[in-house]
Amino acid sequence: MNVTSQCVQTQSGTSLTAELAVQAGQWVLATVTTRSATAYPDGWTLVHESAALNSSSNSNQRMAMLCRKADADGTARCTVTQSSAARIYLNLIAFAGD
């Protein structure tokens, strides 16, 4: 199985972008953790979203998984935005194979 990944974070921001070189036919998964209301990019399918573990009642910390299939060789790009400046984690993982 061929797997590549890219992990990025910001300590305090309202948006974050990750990019990863992909090959046609690969699946690309994005795992996202944000701390306020979040918007996900067009073209990505939201697979699952839930409150983060140990999330207090005065925060809106969320964890989500998104996916898409690469149509062509190139760069997969995922930008998430949140309503308030706070920490964001974003991981992209591309894979193909048996």
C-alpha atoms as a PDB file:
ATOM      1  CA  MET A   1       0.000   0.000   0.000  1.00  0.00           C
ATOM      2  CA  ASN A   2       1.316   3.449  -0.953  1.00  0.00           C
ATOM      3  CA  VAL A   3       0.608   6.040   1.793  1.00  0.00           C
ATOM      4  CA  THR A   4       1.681   9.685   2.089  1.00  0.00           C
ATOM      5  CA  SER A   5       0.654  12.293   4.644  1.00  0.00           C
ATOM      6  CA  GLN A   6       0.951  15.936   5.662  1.00  0.00           C
ATOM      7  CA  CYS A   7       0.153  17.375   9.112  1.00  0.00           C
ATOM      8  CA  VAL A   8      -0.223  21.102   9.832  1.00  0.00           C
ATOM      9  CA  GLN A   9      -1.442  23.214  12.724  1.00  0.00           C
ATOM     10  CA  THR A  10      -1.901  26.777  13.819  1.00  0.00           C
ATOM     11  CA  GLN A  11      -1.928  27.942  17.426  1.00  0.00           C
ATOM     12  CA  SER A  12      -4.420  30.734  16.758  1.00  0.00           C
ATOM     13  CA  GLY A  13      -6.186  31.230  13.442  1.00  0.00           C
ATOM     14  CA  THR A  14      -9.514  31.186  11.672  1.00  0.00           C
ATOM     15  CA  SER A  15      -8.340  29.140   8.676  1.00  0.00           C
ATOM     16  CA  LEU A  16      -5.731  26.545   7.838  1.00  0.00           C
ATOM     17  CA  THR A  17      -4.741  24.847   4.573  1.00  0.00           C
ATOM     18  CA  ALA A  18      -2.922  21.560   4.031  1.00  0.00           C
ATOM     19  CA  GLU A  19      -1.605  20.350   0.661  1.00  0.00           C
ATOM     20  CA  LEU A  20      -0.420  16.920  -0.389  1.00  0.00           C
ATOM     21  CA  ALA A  21       0.882  15.495  -3.674  1.00  0.00           C
ATOM     22  CA  VAL A  22      -1.515  12.795  -4.897  1.00  0.00           C
ATOM     23  CA  GLN A  23      -1.885  10.376  -7.768  1.00  0.00           C
ATOM     24  CA  ALA A  24      -5.060   9.755  -9.746  1.00  0.00           C
ATOM     25  CA  GLY A  25      -7.287   7.224  -8.012  1.00  0.00           C
ATOM     26  CA  GLN A  26      -5.898   7.707  -4.520  1.00  0.00           C
ATOM     27  CA  TRP A  27      -8.271   8.316  -1.634  1.00  0.00           C
ATOM     28  CA  VAL A  28      -7.461  11.358   0.462  1.00  0.00           C
ATOM     29  CA  LEU A  29      -8.626  11.536   4.079  1.00  0.00           C
ATOM     30  CA  ALA A  30      -8.561  14.731   6.117  1.00  0.00           C
ATOM     31  CA  THR A  31      -8.752  14.692   9.895  1.00  0.00           C
ATOM     32  CA  VAL A  32      -9.630  18.051  11.417  1.00  0.00           C
ATOM     33  CA  THR A  33      -9.780  19.402  14.966  1.00  0.00           C
ATOM     34  CA  THR A  34     -11.163  22.905  15.526  1.00  0.00           C
ATOM     35  CA  ARG A  35     -12.387  24.927  18.505  1.00  0.00           C
ATOM     36  CA  SER A  36     -15.360  26.869  17.133  1.00  0.00           C
ATOM     37  CA  ALA A  37     -18.065  26.572  14.469  1.00  0.00           C
ATOM     38  CA  THR A  38     -16.342  25.068  11.422  1.00  0.00           C
ATOM     39  CA  ALA A  39     -16.858  25.236   7.656  1.00  0.00           C
ATOM     40  CA  TYR A  40     -15.445  22.464   5.478  1.00  0.00           C
ATOM     41  CA  PRO A  41     -14.376  22.881   1.830  1.00  0.00           C
ATOM     42  CA  ASP A  42     -16.540  22.091  -1.185  1.00  0.00           C
ATOM     43  CA  GLY A  43     -15.673  18.850  -2.932  1.00  0.00           C
ATOM     44  CA  TRP A  44     -14.938  16.971   0.295  1.00  0.00           C
ATOM     45  CA  THR A  45     -17.394  14.509   1.861  1.00  0.00           C
ATOM     46  CA  LEU A  46     -17.930  14.800   5.602  1.00  0.00           C
ATOM     47  CA  VAL A  47     -17.609  11.217   6.860  1.00  0.00           C
ATOM     48  CA  HIS A  48     -18.004  11.898  10.582  1.00  0.00           C
ATOM     49  CA  GLU A  49     -18.012  14.808  13.037  1.00  0.00           C
ATOM     50  CA  SER A  50     -18.246  14.752  16.830  1.00  0.00           C
ATOM     51  CA  ALA A  51     -17.405  16.699  19.959  1.00  0.00           C
ATOM     52  CA  ALA A  52     -13.771  16.220  20.891  1.00  0.00           C
ATOM     53  CA  LEU A  53     -12.916  14.168  23.967  1.00  0.00           C
ATOM     54  CA  ASN A  54     -12.750  16.242  27.139  1.00  0.00           C
ATOM     55  CA  SER A  55     -14.497  19.140  25.369  1.00  0.00           C
ATOM     56  CA  SER A  56     -15.926  21.425  28.056  1.00  0.00           C
ATOM     57  CA  SER A  57     -19.377  22.980  27.909  1.00  0.00           C
ATOM     58  CA  ASN A  58     -17.886  26.420  27.208  1.00  0.00           C
ATOM     59  CA  SER A  59     -15.969  25.298  24.101  1.00  0.00           C
ATOM     60  CA  ASN A  60     -17.084  23.918  20.755  1.00  0.00           C
ATOM     61  CA  GLN A  61     -14.052  21.744  20.079  1.00  0.00           C
ATOM     62  CA  ARG A  62     -14.875  19.407  17.177  1.00  0.00           C
ATOM     63  CA  MET A  63     -13.189  16.486  15.457  1.00  0.00           C
ATOM     64  CA  ALA A  64     -14.085  15.579  11.883  1.00  0.00           C
ATOM     65  CA  MET A  65     -13.060  13.255   9.090  1.00  0.00           C
ATOM     66  CA  LEU A  66     -13.477  14.226   5.427  1.00  0.00           C
ATOM     67  CA  CYS A  67     -12.622  12.307   2.253  1.00  0.00           C
ATOM     68  CA  ARG A  68     -12.371  12.665  -1.498  1.00  0.00           C
ATOM     69  CA  LYS A  69     -10.905  10.718  -4.401  1.00  0.00           C
ATOM     70  CA  ALA A  70      -8.132  12.227  -6.521  1.00  0.00           C
ATOM     71  CA  ASP A  71      -9.302  12.555 -10.134  1.00  0.00           C
ATOM     72  CA  ALA A  72      -5.811  13.263 -11.493  1.00  0.00           C
ATOM     73  CA  ASP A  73      -2.178  13.469 -10.474  1.00  0.00           C
ATOM     74  CA  GLY A  74      -1.519  16.769  -8.715  1.00  0.00           C
ATOM     75  CA  THR A  75      -2.087  18.412  -5.351  1.00  0.00           C
ATOM     76  CA  ALA A  76      -4.904  17.754  -2.910  1.00  0.00           C
ATOM     77  CA  ARG A  77      -5.745  20.914  -0.994  1.00  0.00           C
ATOM     78  CA  CYS A  78      -8.017  21.199   2.025  1.00  0.00           C
ATOM     79  CA  THR A  79      -8.836  24.499   3.760  1.00  0.00           C
ATOM     80  CA  VAL A  80     -10.954  24.577   6.900  1.00  0.00           C
ATOM     81  CA  THR A  81     -12.242  27.722   8.577  1.00  0.00           C
ATOM     82  CA  GLN A  82     -13.588  28.335  12.046  1.00  0.00           C
ATOM     83  CA  SER A  83     -15.559  31.245  13.447  1.00  0.00           C
ATOM     84  CA  SER A  84     -13.103  32.299  16.185  1.00  0.00           C
ATOM     85  CA  ALA A  85      -9.319  32.435  16.218  1.00  0.00           C
ATOM     86  CA  ALA A  86      -8.051  29.323  18.017  1.00  0.00           C
ATOM     87  CA  ARG A  87      -5.925  26.230  17.471  1.00  0.00           C
ATOM     88  CA  ILE A  88      -6.606  24.117  14.354  1.00  0.00           C
ATOM     89  CA  TYR A  89      -5.090  20.729  13.483  1.00  0.00           C
ATOM     90  CA  LEU A  90      -5.372  19.385   9.935  1.00  0.00           C
ATOM     91  CA  ASN A  91      -3.960  16.101   8.624  1.00  0.00           C
ATOM     92  CA  LEU A  92      -4.128  14.808   5.045  1.00  0.00           C
ATOM     93  CA  ILE A  93      -3.494  11.144   4.286  1.00  0.00           C
ATOM     94  CA  ALA A  94      -3.455   9.769   0.721  1.00  0.00           C
ATOM     95  CA  PHE A  95      -3.516   6.058   0.001  1.00  0.00           C
ATOM     96  CA  ALA A  96      -4.103   3.499  -2.719  1.00  0.00           C
ATOM     97  CA  GLY A  97      -3.483  -0.183  -2.989  1.00  0.00           C
ATOM     98  CA  ASP A  98      -4.669  -3.481  -1.643  1.00  0.00           C
END
